[in-house]
């Protein structure tokens, strides 16, 4: 069964191109270690909510943009092994490919796919 890792982050709007380059480099590493696809989306219509919202969840500041991303894997087992290898890969270490956003406000989780259409 397919597996998905989902991510939401607040990225300084001025860092859009730096973020894109960071994500492109990381995507190649994820694919090499078993990911089927990596999708990175720059917020375009992400309203502030009254109780909950993407901006509220990541404490998005006025000079930041919400980014929504996901990685698909063939299974949880492949994801667990692939993620272990990705985290050990020198190409994604902070000194080589630093995150151009505050990682403390990153939201992520793994999900079993139950419907695809």
N, C-alpha and C. Protein backbone atom coordinates (compact mmCIF):
# COMPACT_ATOMS: atom_id res chain seq x y z
N UNK A 1 0.84 -1.18 0.00
CA UNK A 1 0.00 0.00 0.00
C UNK A 1 0.89 1.25 0.00
N UNK A 2 0.54 2.25 -0.81
CA UNK A 2 1.32 3.48 -0.89
C UNK A 2 1.30 4.22 0.45
N UNK A 3 2.35 4.98 0.66
CA UNK A 3 2.53 5.73 1.90
C UNK A 3 2.93 7.15 1.53
N UNK A 4 2.48 8.12 2.33
CA UNK A 4 2.76 9.53 2.06
C UNK A 4 3.30 10.21 3.30
N UNK A 5 4.36 10.98 3.14
CA UNK A 5 4.83 11.89 4.18
C UNK A 5 4.36 13.27 3.77
N UNK A 6 3.70 14.00 4.69
CA UNK A 6 3.22 15.34 4.40
C UNK A 6 3.93 16.38 5.26
N UNK A 7 4.11 17.57 4.71
CA UNK A 7 4.85 18.64 5.39
C UNK A 7 4.17 19.98 5.16
N UNK A 8 4.17 20.82 6.18
CA UNK A 8 3.72 22.21 6.07
C UNK A 8 4.77 23.06 6.79
N UNK A 9 5.20 24.13 6.15
CA UNK A 9 6.22 25.00 6.74
C UNK A 9 5.93 26.45 6.36
N UNK A 10 6.50 27.37 7.12
CA UNK A 10 6.47 28.80 6.80
C UNK A 10 7.88 29.17 6.34
N UNK A 11 7.97 29.67 5.12
CA UNK A 11 9.27 30.00 4.53
C UNK A 11 9.31 31.51 4.27
N UNK A 12 10.40 32.17 4.65
CA UNK A 12 10.50 33.59 4.32
C UNK A 12 10.26 33.80 2.81
N UNK A 13 9.33 34.68 2.49
CA UNK A 13 8.97 34.90 1.10
C UNK A 13 10.18 35.27 0.26
N UNK A 14 11.10 36.00 0.82
CA UNK A 14 12.32 36.39 0.10
C UNK A 14 13.20 35.18 -0.23
N UNK A 15 12.98 34.05 0.44
CA UNK A 15 13.79 32.85 0.22
C UNK A 15 13.17 31.86 -0.77
N UNK A 16 12.18 32.33 -1.55
CA UNK A 16 11.49 31.39 -2.45
C UNK A 16 12.47 30.62 -3.34
N UNK A 17 13.36 31.30 -4.02
CA UNK A 17 14.29 30.62 -4.93
C UNK A 17 15.28 29.75 -4.16
N UNK A 18 15.75 30.23 -3.03
CA UNK A 18 16.66 29.44 -2.20
C UNK A 18 15.95 28.17 -1.74
N UNK A 19 14.67 28.30 -1.34
CA UNK A 19 13.89 27.14 -0.92
C UNK A 19 13.71 26.17 -2.09
N UNK A 20 13.39 26.68 -3.27
CA UNK A 20 13.21 25.82 -4.43
C UNK A 20 14.47 25.02 -4.72
N UNK A 21 15.61 25.67 -4.65
CA UNK A 21 16.88 24.97 -4.89
C UNK A 21 17.14 23.93 -3.81
N UNK A 22 16.87 24.29 -2.56
CA UNK A 22 17.02 23.36 -1.44
C UNK A 22 16.14 22.12 -1.66
N UNK A 23 14.88 22.36 -2.01
CA UNK A 23 13.93 21.27 -2.20
C UNK A 23 14.31 20.41 -3.40
N UNK A 24 14.79 21.02 -4.45
CA UNK A 24 15.19 20.27 -5.64
C UNK A 24 16.36 19.32 -5.32
N UNK A 25 17.34 19.80 -4.58
CA UNK A 25 18.47 18.96 -4.18
C UNK A 25 18.01 17.82 -3.28
N UNK A 26 17.16 18.14 -2.30
CA UNK A 26 16.67 17.11 -1.38
C UNK A 26 15.80 16.09 -2.12
N UNK A 27 15.00 16.54 -3.07
CA UNK A 27 14.12 15.64 -3.81
C UNK A 27 14.92 14.56 -4.53
N UNK A 28 16.04 14.93 -5.10
CA UNK A 28 16.89 13.95 -5.79
C UNK A 28 17.37 12.87 -4.82
N UNK A 29 17.70 13.28 -3.61
CA UNK A 29 18.16 12.32 -2.60
C UNK A 29 17.01 11.41 -2.17
N UNK A 30 15.82 11.98 -1.94
CA UNK A 30 14.66 11.16 -1.58
C UNK A 30 14.35 10.14 -2.67
N UNK A 31 14.37 10.57 -3.93
CA UNK A 31 14.08 9.65 -5.04
C UNK A 31 15.13 8.54 -5.10
N UNK A 32 16.37 8.90 -4.90
CA UNK A 32 17.45 7.91 -4.93
C UNK A 32 17.27 6.85 -3.83
N UNK A 33 16.65 7.25 -2.73
CA UNK A 33 16.48 6.33 -1.60
C UNK A 33 15.07 5.74 -1.50
N UNK A 34 14.36 5.72 -2.63
CA UNK A 34 13.12 4.96 -2.68
C UNK A 34 11.83 5.72 -2.84
N UNK A 35 11.83 7.04 -2.73
CA UNK A 35 10.60 7.79 -2.90
C UNK A 35 10.11 7.70 -4.34
N UNK A 36 8.81 7.60 -4.50
CA UNK A 36 8.21 7.56 -5.83
C UNK A 36 8.09 8.96 -6.43
N UNK A 37 7.77 9.94 -5.57
CA UNK A 37 7.63 11.31 -6.04
C UNK A 37 7.83 12.27 -4.88
N UNK A 38 8.21 13.49 -5.21
CA UNK A 38 8.34 14.57 -4.24
C UNK A 38 7.65 15.79 -4.86
N UNK A 39 6.71 16.37 -4.12
CA UNK A 39 5.97 17.53 -4.61
C UNK A 39 6.15 18.68 -3.62
N UNK A 40 6.52 19.83 -4.12
CA UNK A 40 6.69 21.04 -3.32
C UNK A 40 5.75 22.12 -3.85
N UNK A 41 4.94 22.71 -3.00
CA UNK A 41 3.96 23.71 -3.42
C UNK A 41 4.13 25.00 -2.63
N UNK A 42 4.23 26.11 -3.35
CA UNK A 42 4.36 27.44 -2.75
C UNK A 42 2.97 28.03 -2.57
N UNK A 43 2.63 28.45 -1.37
CA UNK A 43 1.29 28.95 -1.07
C UNK A 43 0.87 30.11 -1.96
N UNK A 44 -0.35 30.02 -2.47
CA UNK A 44 -0.89 31.05 -3.35
C UNK A 44 -2.25 31.55 -2.86
N UNK A 45 -3.03 30.65 -2.26
CA UNK A 45 -4.35 31.00 -1.74
C UNK A 45 -4.52 30.24 -0.42
N UNK A 46 -3.87 30.74 0.62
CA UNK A 46 -3.82 30.05 1.91
C UNK A 46 -4.35 31.01 2.98
N UNK A 47 -5.67 31.01 3.17
CA UNK A 47 -6.27 32.00 4.08
C UNK A 47 -5.96 31.74 5.55
N UNK A 48 -5.93 32.81 6.29
CA UNK A 48 -5.79 32.75 7.75
C UNK A 48 -7.15 32.31 8.31
N UNK A 49 -7.16 31.33 9.18
CA UNK A 49 -8.41 30.86 9.75
C UNK A 49 -8.77 31.59 11.03
N UNK A 50 -9.95 31.23 11.56
CA UNK A 50 -10.37 31.78 12.85
C UNK A 50 -10.01 30.83 13.98
N UNK A 51 -10.11 29.52 13.75
CA UNK A 51 -9.74 28.53 14.77
C UNK A 51 -8.48 27.78 14.38
N UNK A 52 -8.43 27.34 13.11
CA UNK A 52 -7.26 26.62 12.62
C UNK A 52 -7.02 27.00 11.17
N UNK A 53 -5.79 26.86 10.74
CA UNK A 53 -5.43 27.09 9.34
C UNK A 53 -3.97 26.71 9.17
N UNK A 54 -3.56 26.58 7.91
CA UNK A 54 -2.14 26.33 7.66
C UNK A 54 -1.28 27.46 8.23
N UNK A 55 -1.60 28.74 7.97
CA UNK A 55 -0.76 29.80 8.54
C UNK A 55 -0.68 29.76 10.06
N UNK A 56 -1.81 29.49 10.71
CA UNK A 56 -1.80 29.43 12.17
C UNK A 56 -0.96 28.26 12.67
N UNK A 57 -1.07 27.13 12.00
CA UNK A 57 -0.38 25.92 12.44
C UNK A 57 1.13 26.08 12.45
N UNK A 58 1.65 26.84 11.49
CA UNK A 58 3.11 27.02 11.40
C UNK A 58 3.55 28.41 11.86
N UNK A 59 2.64 29.15 12.51
CA UNK A 59 2.93 30.49 13.02
C UNK A 59 3.53 31.39 11.93
N UNK A 60 2.89 31.36 10.77
CA UNK A 60 3.36 32.11 9.61
C UNK A 60 3.35 33.61 9.91
N UNK A 61 4.46 34.26 9.64
CA UNK A 61 4.61 35.70 9.84
C UNK A 61 4.27 36.45 8.55
N UNK A 62 4.02 37.75 8.62
CA UNK A 62 3.64 38.51 7.42
C UNK A 62 4.66 38.43 6.27
N UNK A 63 5.92 38.23 6.59
CA UNK A 63 6.95 38.16 5.55
C UNK A 63 7.27 36.72 5.14
N UNK A 64 6.36 35.79 5.45
CA UNK A 64 6.55 34.37 5.13
C UNK A 64 5.41 33.85 4.27
N UNK A 65 5.65 32.73 3.61
CA UNK A 65 4.66 32.06 2.78
C UNK A 65 4.57 30.61 3.23
N UNK A 66 3.36 30.07 3.26
CA UNK A 66 3.17 28.67 3.63
C UNK A 66 3.55 27.78 2.46
N UNK A 67 4.31 26.74 2.76
CA UNK A 67 4.70 25.73 1.79
C UNK A 67 4.07 24.41 2.20
N UNK A 68 3.52 23.71 1.23
CA UNK A 68 2.86 22.41 1.45
C UNK A 68 3.56 21.40 0.56
N UNK A 69 4.02 20.32 1.15
CA UNK A 69 4.82 19.34 0.42
C UNK A 69 4.41 17.93 0.78
N UNK A 70 4.70 17.00 -0.14
CA UNK A 70 4.50 15.60 0.19
C UNK A 70 5.46 14.73 -0.60
N UNK A 71 5.74 13.59 -0.02
CA UNK A 71 6.61 12.58 -0.63
C UNK A 71 5.83 11.28 -0.65
N UNK A 72 5.77 10.64 -1.80
CA UNK A 72 5.09 9.35 -1.87
C UNK A 72 6.12 8.23 -1.89
N UNK A 73 5.74 7.14 -1.26
CA UNK A 73 6.58 5.95 -1.14
C UNK A 73 5.74 4.73 -1.49
N UNK A 74 6.36 3.63 -1.91
CA UNK A 74 5.58 2.43 -2.22
C UNK A 74 4.99 1.75 -0.99
N UNK A 75 5.58 1.98 0.19
CA UNK A 75 5.08 1.35 1.43
C UNK A 75 5.70 2.04 2.63
N UNK A 76 5.15 1.78 3.80
CA UNK A 76 5.71 2.33 5.04
C UNK A 76 7.11 1.75 5.26
N UNK A 77 7.28 0.47 4.96
CA UNK A 77 8.59 -0.17 5.14
C UNK A 77 9.66 0.50 4.27
N UNK A 78 9.34 0.77 3.01
CA UNK A 78 10.29 1.44 2.12
C UNK A 78 10.55 2.86 2.63
N UNK A 79 9.50 3.53 3.11
CA UNK A 79 9.66 4.87 3.65
C UNK A 79 10.58 4.88 4.86
N UNK A 80 10.36 3.96 5.80
CA UNK A 80 11.18 3.93 7.00
C UNK A 80 12.65 3.72 6.66
N UNK A 81 12.94 2.78 5.78
CA UNK A 81 14.32 2.51 5.39
C UNK A 81 14.87 3.67 4.56
N UNK A 82 14.08 4.18 3.63
CA UNK A 82 14.52 5.29 2.80
C UNK A 82 14.79 6.53 3.61
N UNK A 83 13.91 6.84 4.55
CA UNK A 83 14.08 8.03 5.39
C UNK A 83 15.35 7.90 6.25
N UNK A 84 15.61 6.70 6.76
CA UNK A 84 16.83 6.47 7.52
C UNK A 84 18.06 6.77 6.66
N UNK A 85 18.04 6.30 5.42
CA UNK A 85 19.17 6.54 4.52
C UNK A 85 19.27 8.01 4.11
N UNK A 86 18.13 8.65 3.89
CA UNK A 86 18.14 10.07 3.54
C UNK A 86 18.77 10.88 4.67
N UNK A 87 18.34 10.63 5.90
CA UNK A 87 18.85 11.41 7.04
C UNK A 87 20.35 11.20 7.25
N UNK A 88 20.88 10.08 6.79
CA UNK A 88 22.32 9.82 6.91
C UNK A 88 23.10 10.31 5.69
N UNK A 89 22.41 10.70 4.65
CA UNK A 89 23.07 11.09 3.40
C UNK A 89 23.75 12.45 3.58
N UNK A 90 25.04 12.55 3.26
CA UNK A 90 25.75 13.82 3.46
C UNK A 90 25.20 14.98 2.62
N UNK A 91 24.49 14.70 1.54
CA UNK A 91 23.97 15.77 0.67
C UNK A 91 22.82 16.55 1.29
N UNK A 92 22.21 16.04 2.34
CA UNK A 92 21.11 16.76 2.98
C UNK A 92 21.45 17.23 4.39
N UNK A 93 22.70 17.15 4.75
CA UNK A 93 23.12 17.63 6.07
C UNK A 93 23.06 19.15 6.11
N UNK A 94 22.73 19.74 7.25
CA UNK A 94 22.55 21.20 7.35
C UNK A 94 23.75 22.02 6.87
N UNK A 95 24.96 21.52 7.02
CA UNK A 95 26.11 22.30 6.58
C UNK A 95 26.27 22.28 5.06
N UNK A 96 25.65 21.31 4.39
CA UNK A 96 25.73 21.20 2.93
C UNK A 96 24.49 21.81 2.27
N UNK A 97 23.31 21.51 2.81
CA UNK A 97 22.04 21.98 2.24
C UNK A 97 21.15 22.50 3.37
N UNK A 98 21.49 23.69 3.93
CA UNK A 98 20.74 24.21 5.08
C UNK A 98 19.28 24.53 4.74
N UNK A 99 18.41 24.31 5.71
CA UNK A 99 16.99 24.64 5.52
C UNK A 99 16.84 26.16 5.52
N UNK A 100 16.23 26.73 4.49
CA UNK A 100 16.05 28.19 4.44
C UNK A 100 14.77 28.65 5.13
N UNK A 101 14.45 28.01 6.26
CA UNK A 101 13.26 28.36 7.04
C UNK A 101 13.47 27.82 8.45
N UNK A 102 12.57 28.18 9.35
CA UNK A 102 12.64 27.74 10.75
C UNK A 102 12.07 26.33 10.88
N UNK A 103 12.94 25.35 10.98
CA UNK A 103 12.52 23.96 11.07
C UNK A 103 11.73 23.63 12.32
N UNK A 104 11.79 24.47 13.34
CA UNK A 104 11.02 24.21 14.57
C UNK A 104 9.53 24.37 14.34
N UNK A 105 9.16 25.11 13.27
CA UNK A 105 7.74 25.31 12.96
C UNK A 105 7.26 24.42 11.82
N UNK A 106 8.08 23.47 11.42
CA UNK A 106 7.70 22.50 10.38
C UNK A 106 6.74 21.48 10.98
N UNK A 107 5.65 21.20 10.27
CA UNK A 107 4.71 20.16 10.68
C UNK A 107 4.86 19.02 9.69
N UNK A 108 4.94 17.81 10.17
CA UNK A 108 5.07 16.67 9.27
C UNK A 108 4.42 15.44 9.88
N UNK A 109 4.14 14.49 9.03
CA UNK A 109 3.57 13.23 9.49
C UNK A 109 3.51 12.24 8.35
N UNK A 110 3.40 10.96 8.71
CA UNK A 110 3.29 9.89 7.72
C UNK A 110 1.85 9.38 7.69
N UNK A 111 1.38 9.07 6.48
CA UNK A 111 -0.01 8.70 6.30
C UNK A 111 -0.15 7.50 5.36
N UNK A 112 -1.04 6.59 5.71
CA UNK A 112 -1.41 5.50 4.82
C UNK A 112 -2.45 6.05 3.85
N UNK A 113 -2.25 5.79 2.57
CA UNK A 113 -3.23 6.22 1.58
C UNK A 113 -4.42 5.28 1.64
N UNK A 114 -5.62 5.85 1.73
CA UNK A 114 -6.81 5.00 1.77
C UNK A 114 -7.75 5.21 0.59
N UNK A 115 -7.59 6.35 -0.11
CA UNK A 115 -8.36 6.60 -1.34
C UNK A 115 -7.45 7.32 -2.32
N UNK A 116 -7.40 6.83 -3.54
CA UNK A 116 -6.78 7.57 -4.63
C UNK A 116 -7.76 7.50 -5.80
N UNK A 117 -7.88 8.58 -6.52
CA UNK A 117 -8.85 8.61 -7.63
C UNK A 117 -8.23 9.28 -8.84
